Amino acid sequence: MTLLAVSIAAPDTDSALAALQRAADGADLAELRLDLMHEFDLPRLLQTSPLPLVVTCRPPREGGRWQGSEEDRLDVLRAAADLGAAYVDLEWDALAELASLNRQHSRVIVSRHDFTRMPAALSGQAEVLWTAGADIVKLVGYANWLADVVPVLELLRNAPGPTVAIAMGACGLATRLLA
């Protein structure tokens, strides 16, 4: 099943809720980028959102802007799962935290980003993440050439489980529609 997701990058809770209201007209779900917010009221966001939320709190090593400690970031993701977020996005290098997330009401997206190239063996990377317990795998790489899009398309076509695969850059633009 394909869902249309919109990413919400707002500075605060009120702005995020306003953006979520606008997005509800066409999106199936929204990614809430907490790492881009100056302040947020997570319970209010989760209770008031008109859309199911993917709670993301991306660290700088994965292209995010979280300014706090790693433990505080993981606490935010744990709180999101405890509060019943539809999805929690956890980075691949924090897989050890998978067991600490309340999965009664939340599904876990395990993601990995490469901002310089398209990683080799995307399907192998996806398999490792599924084996580790991901509900959904998200792999993102940079397409320097049109040929870099081929592994993304192959992964999307052959994936044995729910998958988001995207090629960044001008050469990969079309994959955002297929992800």
N, C-alpha and C. Protein backbone atom coordinates (compact mmCIF):
# COMPACT_ATOMS: atom_id res chain seq x y z
N MET A 1 0.84 -1.18 0.00
CA MET A 1 0.00 0.00 0.00
C MET A 1 0.89 1.24 0.00
N THR A 2 0.61 2.15 -0.87
CA THR A 2 1.36 3.40 -0.96
C THR A 2 0.60 4.50 -0.22
N LEU A 3 1.34 5.25 0.60
CA LEU A 3 0.77 6.37 1.34
C LEU A 3 1.49 7.64 0.93
N LEU A 4 0.74 8.74 0.87
CA LEU A 4 1.34 10.03 0.57
C LEU A 4 1.69 10.71 1.89
N ALA A 5 2.97 10.98 2.08
CA ALA A 5 3.46 11.61 3.30
C ALA A 5 3.98 13.00 2.99
N VAL A 6 3.77 13.90 3.94
CA VAL A 6 4.30 15.25 3.83
C VAL A 6 5.19 15.48 5.04
N SER A 7 6.31 16.16 4.83
CA SER A 7 7.22 16.46 5.93
C SER A 7 6.88 17.84 6.50
N ILE A 8 6.75 17.91 7.81
CA ILE A 8 6.42 19.16 8.49
C ILE A 8 7.68 19.67 9.19
N ALA A 9 8.17 20.81 8.73
CA ALA A 9 9.35 21.46 9.32
C ALA A 9 8.89 22.82 9.83
N ALA A 10 8.43 22.85 11.07
CA ALA A 10 7.89 24.07 11.66
C ALA A 10 8.72 24.46 12.87
N PRO A 11 8.73 25.74 13.24
CA PRO A 11 9.56 26.17 14.36
C PRO A 11 8.98 25.86 15.74
N ASP A 12 7.65 25.65 15.82
CA ASP A 12 7.04 25.45 17.14
C ASP A 12 5.74 24.65 16.99
N THR A 13 5.14 24.33 18.12
CA THR A 13 3.94 23.50 18.14
C THR A 13 2.78 24.12 17.37
N ASP A 14 2.49 25.39 17.62
CA ASP A 14 1.36 26.02 16.93
C ASP A 14 1.54 26.05 15.42
N SER A 15 2.75 26.36 14.97
CA SER A 15 3.03 26.37 13.52
C SER A 15 2.91 24.97 12.93
N ALA A 16 3.38 23.97 13.67
CA ALA A 16 3.29 22.59 13.19
C ALA A 16 1.83 22.16 13.08
N LEU A 17 1.02 22.50 14.07
CA LEU A 17 -0.39 22.13 14.02
C LEU A 17 -1.11 22.81 12.86
N ALA A 18 -0.76 24.06 12.59
CA ALA A 18 -1.35 24.76 11.44
C ALA A 18 -0.95 24.08 10.14
N ALA A 19 0.32 23.69 10.01
CA ALA A 19 0.79 23.00 8.81
C ALA A 19 0.12 21.63 8.67
N LEU A 20 -0.08 20.95 9.78
CA LEU A 20 -0.75 19.65 9.74
C LEU A 20 -2.20 19.79 9.28
N GLN A 21 -2.86 20.84 9.71
CA GLN A 21 -4.24 21.08 9.25
C GLN A 21 -4.28 21.29 7.74
N ARG A 22 -3.33 22.05 7.22
CA ARG A 22 -3.27 22.28 5.76
C ARG A 22 -2.96 20.98 5.02
N ALA A 23 -2.06 20.18 5.58
CA ALA A 23 -1.64 18.94 4.92
C ALA A 23 -2.74 17.89 4.91
N ALA A 24 -3.65 17.97 5.85
CA ALA A 24 -4.70 16.95 5.98
C ALA A 24 -5.60 16.86 4.76
N ASP A 25 -5.63 17.90 3.93
CA ASP A 25 -6.47 17.89 2.74
C ASP A 25 -6.00 16.90 1.68
N GLY A 26 -4.71 16.55 1.67
CA GLY A 26 -4.23 15.68 0.62
C GLY A 26 -3.30 14.57 1.06
N ALA A 27 -2.73 14.67 2.24
CA ALA A 27 -1.75 13.69 2.70
C ALA A 27 -2.42 12.58 3.50
N ASP A 28 -1.77 11.41 3.51
CA ASP A 28 -2.23 10.28 4.32
C ASP A 28 -1.59 10.29 5.71
N LEU A 29 -0.39 10.83 5.79
CA LEU A 29 0.34 10.93 7.04
C LEU A 29 1.35 12.05 6.94
N ALA A 30 1.94 12.42 8.08
CA ALA A 30 2.92 13.51 8.09
C ALA A 30 4.13 13.11 8.91
N GLU A 31 5.29 13.47 8.39
CA GLU A 31 6.54 13.32 9.14
C GLU A 31 6.72 14.61 9.93
N LEU A 32 6.84 14.48 11.23
CA LEU A 32 7.03 15.63 12.10
C LEU A 32 8.49 15.70 12.49
N ARG A 33 9.22 16.69 11.96
CA ARG A 33 10.65 16.85 12.19
C ARG A 33 10.91 17.63 13.48
N LEU A 34 10.93 16.94 14.60
CA LEU A 34 11.15 17.59 15.89
C LEU A 34 12.52 18.23 15.98
N ASP A 35 13.50 17.71 15.27
CA ASP A 35 14.85 18.27 15.30
C ASP A 35 14.92 19.66 14.67
N LEU A 36 13.90 20.04 13.92
CA LEU A 36 13.87 21.36 13.29
C LEU A 36 13.04 22.36 14.09
N MET A 37 12.47 21.91 15.20
CA MET A 37 11.60 22.77 16.00
C MET A 37 12.38 23.37 17.17
N HIS A 38 12.12 24.66 17.45
CA HIS A 38 12.76 25.33 18.58
C HIS A 38 12.13 24.89 19.89
N GLU A 39 10.84 24.61 19.86
CA GLU A 39 10.14 24.07 21.02
C GLU A 39 8.97 23.24 20.52
N PHE A 40 8.61 22.21 21.30
CA PHE A 40 7.46 21.40 20.91
C PHE A 40 6.80 20.80 22.14
N ASP A 41 5.50 20.63 22.02
CA ASP A 41 4.68 19.97 23.02
C ASP A 41 4.24 18.66 22.39
N LEU A 42 5.01 17.61 22.63
CA LEU A 42 4.79 16.34 21.94
C LEU A 42 3.40 15.75 22.24
N PRO A 43 2.96 15.71 23.50
CA PRO A 43 1.61 15.17 23.73
C PRO A 43 0.53 15.95 22.96
N ARG A 44 0.63 17.26 22.95
CA ARG A 44 -0.36 18.08 22.23
C ARG A 44 -0.32 17.80 20.73
N LEU A 45 0.88 17.71 20.17
CA LEU A 45 1.02 17.43 18.74
C LEU A 45 0.38 16.09 18.38
N LEU A 46 0.67 15.07 19.18
CA LEU A 46 0.15 13.74 18.88
C LEU A 46 -1.36 13.65 19.09
N GLN A 47 -1.87 14.32 20.09
CA GLN A 47 -3.31 14.26 20.38
C GLN A 47 -4.14 15.11 19.42
N THR A 48 -3.55 16.18 18.89
CA THR A 48 -4.30 17.15 18.10
C THR A 48 -4.13 16.96 16.60
N SER A 49 -3.11 16.27 16.17
CA SER A 49 -2.84 16.13 14.74
C SER A 49 -4.01 15.47 14.02
N PRO A 50 -4.41 16.03 12.88
CA PRO A 50 -5.47 15.40 12.09
C PRO A 50 -4.95 14.21 11.26
N LEU A 51 -3.64 14.03 11.25
CA LEU A 51 -3.02 12.95 10.48
C LEU A 51 -2.21 12.04 11.39
N PRO A 52 -2.05 10.77 11.02
CA PRO A 52 -1.09 9.93 11.72
C PRO A 52 0.31 10.53 11.53
N LEU A 53 1.14 10.44 12.56
CA LEU A 53 2.45 11.09 12.52
C LEU A 53 3.60 10.09 12.50
N VAL A 54 4.61 10.42 11.70
CA VAL A 54 5.92 9.80 11.76
C VAL A 54 6.77 10.77 12.58
N VAL A 55 7.13 10.38 13.79
CA VAL A 55 7.93 11.27 14.63
C VAL A 55 9.40 11.02 14.33
N THR A 56 10.06 12.08 13.90
CA THR A 56 11.47 12.04 13.52
C THR A 56 12.22 13.08 14.34
N CYS A 57 13.37 12.67 14.86
CA CYS A 57 14.23 13.59 15.61
C CYS A 57 15.66 13.29 15.15
N ARG A 58 16.00 13.81 13.99
CA ARG A 58 17.21 13.42 13.26
C ARG A 58 18.46 14.09 13.84
N PRO A 59 19.50 13.30 14.12
CA PRO A 59 20.77 13.87 14.59
C PRO A 59 21.58 14.40 13.41
N PRO A 60 22.56 15.27 13.68
CA PRO A 60 23.38 15.83 12.60
C PRO A 60 24.07 14.76 11.74
N ARG A 61 24.47 13.66 12.33
CA ARG A 61 25.18 12.62 11.56
C ARG A 61 24.31 12.00 10.47
N GLU A 62 22.99 12.19 10.58
CA GLU A 62 22.05 11.69 9.57
C GLU A 62 21.33 12.83 8.86
N GLY A 63 21.93 14.03 8.92
CA GLY A 63 21.38 15.17 8.19
C GLY A 63 20.39 16.02 8.97
N GLY A 64 20.22 15.74 10.26
CA GLY A 64 19.27 16.50 11.07
C GLY A 64 19.93 17.65 11.81
N ARG A 65 19.13 18.29 12.66
CA ARG A 65 19.62 19.46 13.39
C ARG A 65 19.38 19.36 14.89
N TRP A 66 19.22 18.16 15.42
CA TRP A 66 19.03 18.00 16.86
C TRP A 66 20.23 18.57 17.59
N GLN A 67 19.98 19.44 18.56
CA GLN A 67 21.06 20.13 19.28
C GLN A 67 21.35 19.51 20.64
N GLY A 68 20.45 18.68 21.15
CA GLY A 68 20.63 18.09 22.48
C GLY A 68 21.51 16.86 22.45
N SER A 69 21.57 16.20 23.58
CA SER A 69 22.37 14.97 23.70
C SER A 69 21.67 13.82 22.97
N GLU A 70 22.43 12.79 22.69
CA GLU A 70 21.87 11.60 22.05
C GLU A 70 20.85 10.95 22.98
N GLU A 71 21.13 10.90 24.27
CA GLU A 71 20.19 10.30 25.21
C GLU A 71 18.87 11.08 25.24
N ASP A 72 18.95 12.41 25.22
CA ASP A 72 17.73 13.22 25.19
C ASP A 72 16.94 12.98 23.90
N ARG A 73 17.65 12.83 22.80
CA ARG A 73 16.99 12.57 21.51
C ARG A 73 16.26 11.23 21.55
N LEU A 74 16.94 10.23 22.07
CA LEU A 74 16.31 8.91 22.17
C LEU A 74 15.13 8.93 23.14
N ASP A 75 15.24 9.73 24.21
CA ASP A 75 14.12 9.88 25.15
C ASP A 75 12.89 10.46 24.44
N VAL A 76 13.12 11.41 23.53
CA VAL A 76 12.02 12.00 22.77
C VAL A 76 11.34 10.92 21.92
N LEU A 77 12.14 10.08 21.26
CA LEU A 77 11.57 9.02 20.43
C LEU A 77 10.83 7.99 21.29
N ARG A 78 11.39 7.65 22.45
CA ARG A 78 10.70 6.73 23.36
C ARG A 78 9.36 7.32 23.81
N ALA A 79 9.38 8.61 24.14
CA ALA A 79 8.14 9.28 24.57
C ALA A 79 7.11 9.26 23.45
N ALA A 80 7.55 9.48 22.21
CA ALA A 80 6.62 9.45 21.07
C ALA A 80 5.96 8.08 20.96
N ALA A 81 6.74 7.02 21.12
CA ALA A 81 6.17 5.67 21.06
C ALA A 81 5.23 5.43 22.24
N ASP A 82 5.63 5.87 23.43
CA ASP A 82 4.77 5.71 24.61
C ASP A 82 3.45 6.45 24.46
N LEU A 83 3.49 7.59 23.78
CA LEU A 83 2.28 8.41 23.58
C LEU A 83 1.43 7.93 22.40
N GLY A 84 1.91 6.90 21.69
CA GLY A 84 1.12 6.32 20.63
C GLY A 84 1.30 6.89 19.25
N ALA A 85 2.47 7.49 18.97
CA ALA A 85 2.74 7.94 17.60
C ALA A 85 2.55 6.77 16.64
N ALA A 86 1.98 7.03 15.49
CA ALA A 86 1.77 5.95 14.52
C ALA A 86 3.09 5.31 14.10
N TYR A 87 4.11 6.16 13.92
CA TYR A 87 5.43 5.69 13.50
C TYR A 87 6.50 6.48 14.25
N VAL A 88 7.60 5.80 14.56
CA VAL A 88 8.78 6.45 15.12
C VAL A 88 9.93 6.11 14.19
N ASP A 89 10.69 7.12 13.77
CA ASP A 89 11.81 6.94 12.84
C ASP A 89 13.11 6.89 13.64
N LEU A 90 13.76 5.74 13.62
CA LEU A 90 14.99 5.50 14.37
C LEU A 90 16.13 5.29 13.38
N GLU A 91 17.27 5.91 13.62
CA GLU A 91 18.41 5.78 12.73
C GLU A 91 19.04 4.39 12.87
N TRP A 92 19.62 3.92 11.77
CA TRP A 92 20.20 2.58 11.71
C TRP A 92 21.28 2.36 12.76
N ASP A 93 22.04 3.41 13.09
CA ASP A 93 23.13 3.22 14.05
C ASP A 93 22.66 3.31 15.50
N ALA A 94 21.35 3.43 15.70
CA ALA A 94 20.76 3.40 17.04
C ALA A 94 19.88 2.16 17.21
N LEU A 95 20.15 1.13 16.41
CA LEU A 95 19.34 -0.09 16.45
C LEU A 95 19.28 -0.73 17.83
N ALA A 96 20.31 -0.53 18.64
CA ALA A 96 20.31 -1.10 19.99
C ALA A 96 19.14 -0.58 20.81
N GLU A 97 18.59 0.57 20.42
CA GLU A 97 17.47 1.18 21.14
C GLU A 97 16.12 0.60 20.72
N LEU A 98 16.11 -0.22 19.69
CA LEU A 98 14.85 -0.75 19.17
C LEU A 98 14.03 -1.44 20.26
N ALA A 99 14.70 -2.20 21.11
CA ALA A 99 14.00 -2.94 22.16
C ALA A 99 13.38 -2.02 23.21
N SER A 100 13.90 -0.80 23.35
CA SER A 100 13.39 0.11 24.38
C SER A 100 12.18 0.91 23.91
N LEU A 101 11.79 0.76 22.65
CA LEU A 101 10.63 1.50 22.13
C LEU A 101 9.35 0.71 22.36
N ASN A 102 8.33 1.38 22.86
CA ASN A 102 7.01 0.79 23.06
C ASN A 102 6.37 0.61 21.69
N ARG A 103 6.21 -0.64 21.28
CA ARG A 103 5.69 -0.91 19.95
C ARG A 103 4.24 -1.38 19.97
N GLN A 104 3.57 -1.14 21.09
CA GLN A 104 2.17 -1.54 21.20
C GLN A 104 1.31 -0.77 20.19
N HIS A 105 1.58 0.52 20.03
CA HIS A 105 0.79 1.35 19.12
C HIS A 105 1.63 1.99 18.02
N SER A 106 2.94 1.86 18.09
CA SER A 106 3.83 2.52 17.13
C SER A 106 4.59 1.50 16.30
N ARG A 107 4.74 1.81 15.03
CA ARG A 107 5.60 1.01 14.16
C ARG A 107 6.92 1.76 14.03
N VAL A 108 8.01 1.00 13.91
CA VAL A 108 9.33 1.61 13.87
C VAL A 108 9.88 1.58 12.45
N ILE A 109 10.22 2.78 11.96
CA ILE A 109 10.92 2.94 10.69
C ILE A 109 12.40 3.04 11.05
N VAL A 110 13.22 2.18 10.47
CA VAL A 110 14.66 2.29 10.67
C VAL A 110 15.24 2.87 9.39
N SER A 111 15.94 4.00 9.53
CA SER A 111 16.39 4.73 8.35
C SER A 111 17.90 4.90 8.33
N ARG A 112 18.40 5.05 7.10
CA ARG A 112 19.82 5.31 6.88
C ARG A 112 19.94 6.26 5.70
N HIS A 113 20.80 7.27 5.86
CA HIS A 113 20.99 8.30 4.83
C HIS A 113 22.47 8.37 4.44
N ASP A 114 22.73 8.48 3.15
CA ASP A 114 24.08 8.74 2.65
C ASP A 114 23.97 9.96 1.74
N PHE A 115 24.61 11.05 2.15
CA PHE A 115 24.46 12.33 1.45
C PHE A 115 25.48 12.56 0.34
N THR A 116 26.35 11.59 0.09
CA THR A 116 27.38 11.78 -0.93
C THR A 116 27.28 10.81 -2.10
N ARG A 117 26.68 9.64 -1.88
CA ARG A 117 26.65 8.63 -2.94
C ARG A 117 25.48 7.68 -2.71
N MET A 118 25.29 6.79 -3.67
CA MET A 118 24.31 5.73 -3.52
C MET A 118 25.03 4.53 -2.93
N PRO A 119 24.65 4.09 -1.74
CA PRO A 119 25.34 2.95 -1.12
C PRO A 119 25.22 1.69 -1.98
N ALA A 120 26.24 0.88 -1.92
CA ALA A 120 26.23 -0.41 -2.61
C ALA A 120 25.29 -1.36 -1.86
N ALA A 121 24.74 -2.30 -2.57
CA ALA A 121 23.94 -3.37 -1.98
C ALA A 121 22.80 -2.86 -1.11
N LEU A 122 21.95 -2.02 -1.68
CA LEU A 122 20.81 -1.50 -0.93
C LEU A 122 19.93 -2.62 -0.39
N SER A 123 19.68 -3.64 -1.19
CA SER A 123 18.80 -4.72 -0.74
C SER A 123 19.42 -5.47 0.44
N GLY A 124 20.74 -5.61 0.43
CA GLY A 124 21.42 -6.24 1.57
C GLY A 124 21.30 -5.42 2.83
N GLN A 125 21.42 -4.10 2.69
CA GLN A 125 21.25 -3.22 3.85
C GLN A 125 19.82 -3.31 4.38
N ALA A 126 18.86 -3.34 3.49
CA ALA A 126 17.46 -3.45 3.91
C ALA A 126 17.23 -4.75 4.66
N GLU A 127 17.79 -5.83 4.17
CA GLU A 127 17.63 -7.13 4.82
C GLU A 127 18.19 -7.12 6.25
N VAL A 128 19.34 -6.48 6.43
CA VAL A 128 19.93 -6.37 7.77
C VAL A 128 18.98 -5.63 8.71
N LEU A 129 18.37 -4.56 8.24
CA LEU A 129 17.48 -3.76 9.08
C LEU A 129 16.18 -4.50 9.39
N TRP A 130 15.63 -5.23 8.43
CA TRP A 130 14.44 -6.04 8.71
C TRP A 130 14.76 -7.13 9.72
N THR A 131 15.90 -7.78 9.53
CA THR A 131 16.30 -8.85 10.45
C THR A 131 16.46 -8.31 11.86
N ALA A 132 16.92 -7.07 11.98
CA ALA A 132 17.11 -6.45 13.30
C ALA A 132 15.79 -6.07 13.96
N GLY A 133 14.70 -6.09 13.20
CA GLY A 133 13.40 -5.82 13.80
C GLY A 133 12.66 -4.60 13.30
N ALA A 134 13.14 -3.97 12.24
CA ALA A 134 12.44 -2.80 11.69
C ALA A 134 11.07 -3.23 11.16
N ASP A 135 10.06 -2.41 11.39
CA ASP A 135 8.76 -2.64 10.77
C ASP A 135 8.77 -2.13 9.33
N ILE A 136 9.48 -1.02 9.13
CA ILE A 136 9.62 -0.39 7.82
C ILE A 136 11.08 0.02 7.67
N VAL A 137 11.63 -0.17 6.50
CA VAL A 137 13.01 0.22 6.21
C VAL A 137 12.99 1.45 5.31
N LYS A 138 13.83 2.43 5.65
CA LYS A 138 13.97 3.64 4.82
C LYS A 138 15.45 3.82 4.49
N LEU A 139 15.77 3.74 3.20
CA LEU A 139 17.15 3.91 2.74
C LEU A 139 17.19 5.07 1.74
N VAL A 140 18.10 5.99 1.99
CA VAL A 140 18.22 7.19 1.17
C VAL A 140 19.68 7.37 0.79
N GLY A 141 19.93 7.53 -0.49
CA GLY A 141 21.29 7.79 -0.96
C GLY A 141 21.27 8.93 -1.97
N TYR A 142 22.44 9.40 -2.32
CA TYR A 142 22.57 10.50 -3.27
C TYR A 142 22.85 9.94 -4.66
N ALA A 143 22.04 10.32 -5.63
CA ALA A 143 22.22 9.89 -7.01
C ALA A 143 23.09 10.90 -7.75
N ASN A 144 24.34 10.52 -7.98
CA ASN A 144 25.23 11.38 -8.76
C ASN A 144 25.02 11.19 -10.26
N TRP A 145 24.48 10.05 -10.64
CA TRP A 145 24.23 9.70 -12.04
C TRP A 145 22.85 9.07 -12.13
N LEU A 146 22.26 9.08 -13.31
CA LEU A 146 20.97 8.42 -13.50
C LEU A 146 21.04 6.94 -13.14
N ALA A 147 22.17 6.31 -13.41
CA ALA A 147 22.32 4.89 -13.09
C ALA A 147 22.21 4.62 -11.59
N ASP A 148 22.46 5.63 -10.76
CA ASP A 148 22.34 5.46 -9.31
C ASP A 148 20.90 5.23 -8.86
N VAL A 149 19.95 5.52 -9.72
CA VAL A 149 18.54 5.35 -9.39
C VAL A 149 18.13 3.87 -9.50
N VAL A 150 18.83 3.10 -10.32
CA VAL A 150 18.45 1.71 -10.57
C VAL A 150 18.38 0.88 -9.29
N PRO A 151 19.37 0.92 -8.38
CA PRO A 151 19.24 0.11 -7.16
C PRO A 151 18.04 0.50 -6.30
N VAL A 152 17.67 1.76 -6.33
CA VAL A 152 16.50 2.22 -5.57
C VAL A 152 15.24 1.59 -6.16
N LEU A 153 15.11 1.64 -7.47
CA LEU A 153 13.93 1.06 -8.13
C LEU A 153 13.87 -0.44 -7.92
N GLU A 154 15.03 -1.11 -7.99
CA GLU A 154 15.07 -2.56 -7.76
C GLU A 154 14.65 -2.90 -6.34
N LEU A 155 15.12 -2.12 -5.37
CA LEU A 155 14.74 -2.37 -3.98
C LEU A 155 13.23 -2.19 -3.81
N LEU A 156 12.68 -1.12 -4.36
CA LEU A 156 11.24 -0.89 -4.24
C LEU A 156 10.43 -2.00 -4.90
N ARG A 157 10.91 -2.51 -6.01
CA ARG A 157 10.19 -3.56 -6.73
C ARG A 157 10.27 -4.91 -6.02
N ASN A 158 11.43 -5.22 -5.41
CA ASN A 158 11.67 -6.56 -4.87
C ASN A 158 11.63 -6.65 -3.36
N ALA A 159 11.39 -5.58 -2.68
CA ALA A 159 11.44 -5.58 -1.21
C ALA A 159 10.41 -6.55 -0.63
N PRO A 160 10.84 -7.37 0.32
CA PRO A 160 9.90 -8.32 0.94
C PRO A 160 9.04 -7.69 2.03
N GLY A 161 9.29 -6.44 2.35
CA GLY A 161 8.52 -5.78 3.40
C GLY A 161 8.35 -4.31 3.09
N PRO A 162 7.64 -3.59 3.96
CA PRO A 162 7.41 -2.16 3.74
C PRO A 162 8.73 -1.39 3.63
N THR A 163 8.84 -0.60 2.57
CA THR A 163 10.10 0.06 2.24
C THR A 163 9.88 1.47 1.73
N VAL A 164 10.75 2.36 2.18
CA VAL A 164 10.87 3.69 1.60
C VAL A 164 12.29 3.76 1.06
N ALA A 165 12.45 4.03 -0.21
CA ALA A 165 13.78 4.15 -0.81
C ALA A 165 13.77 5.38 -1.70
N ILE A 166 14.76 6.23 -1.48
CA ILE A 166 14.81 7.52 -2.18
C ILE A 166 16.23 7.79 -2.65
N ALA A 167 16.35 8.35 -3.85
CA ALA A 167 17.62 8.86 -4.35
C ALA A 167 17.54 10.38 -4.30
N MET A 168 18.44 10.99 -3.54
CA MET A 168 18.48 12.46 -3.46
C MET A 168 19.20 13.03 -4.67
N GLY A 169 19.09 14.32 -4.85
CA GLY A 169 19.76 15.01 -5.94
C GLY A 169 18.88 15.10 -7.17
N ALA A 170 19.31 15.89 -8.13
CA ALA A 170 18.53 16.11 -9.34
C ALA A 170 18.28 14.80 -10.09
N CYS A 171 19.27 13.92 -10.13
CA CYS A 171 19.10 12.66 -10.85
C CYS A 171 18.08 11.74 -10.18
N GLY A 172 17.86 11.90 -8.90
CA GLY A 172 16.96 11.01 -8.18
C GLY A 172 15.60 11.58 -7.89
N LEU A 173 15.31 12.74 -8.42
CA LEU A 173 14.06 13.43 -8.08
C LEU A 173 12.82 12.56 -8.27
N ALA A 174 12.76 11.81 -9.34
CA ALA A 174 11.57 11.00 -9.62
C ALA A 174 11.32 9.95 -8.55
N THR A 175 12.35 9.51 -7.84
CA THR A 175 12.15 8.47 -6.82
C THR A 175 11.34 8.98 -5.64
N ARG A 176 11.27 10.26 -5.43
CA ARG A 176 10.44 10.80 -4.33
C ARG A 176 8.97 10.47 -4.57
N LEU A 177 8.58 10.38 -5.82
CA LEU A 177 7.20 10.03 -6.13
C LEU A 177 6.95 8.53 -5.97
N LEU A 178 8.00 7.73 -6.09
CA LEU A 178 7.87 6.28 -6.03
C LEU A 178 8.15 5.72 -4.65
N ALA A 179 8.74 6.53 -3.77
CA ALA A 179 9.18 6.04 -2.46
C ALA A 179 8.03 5.45 -1.69
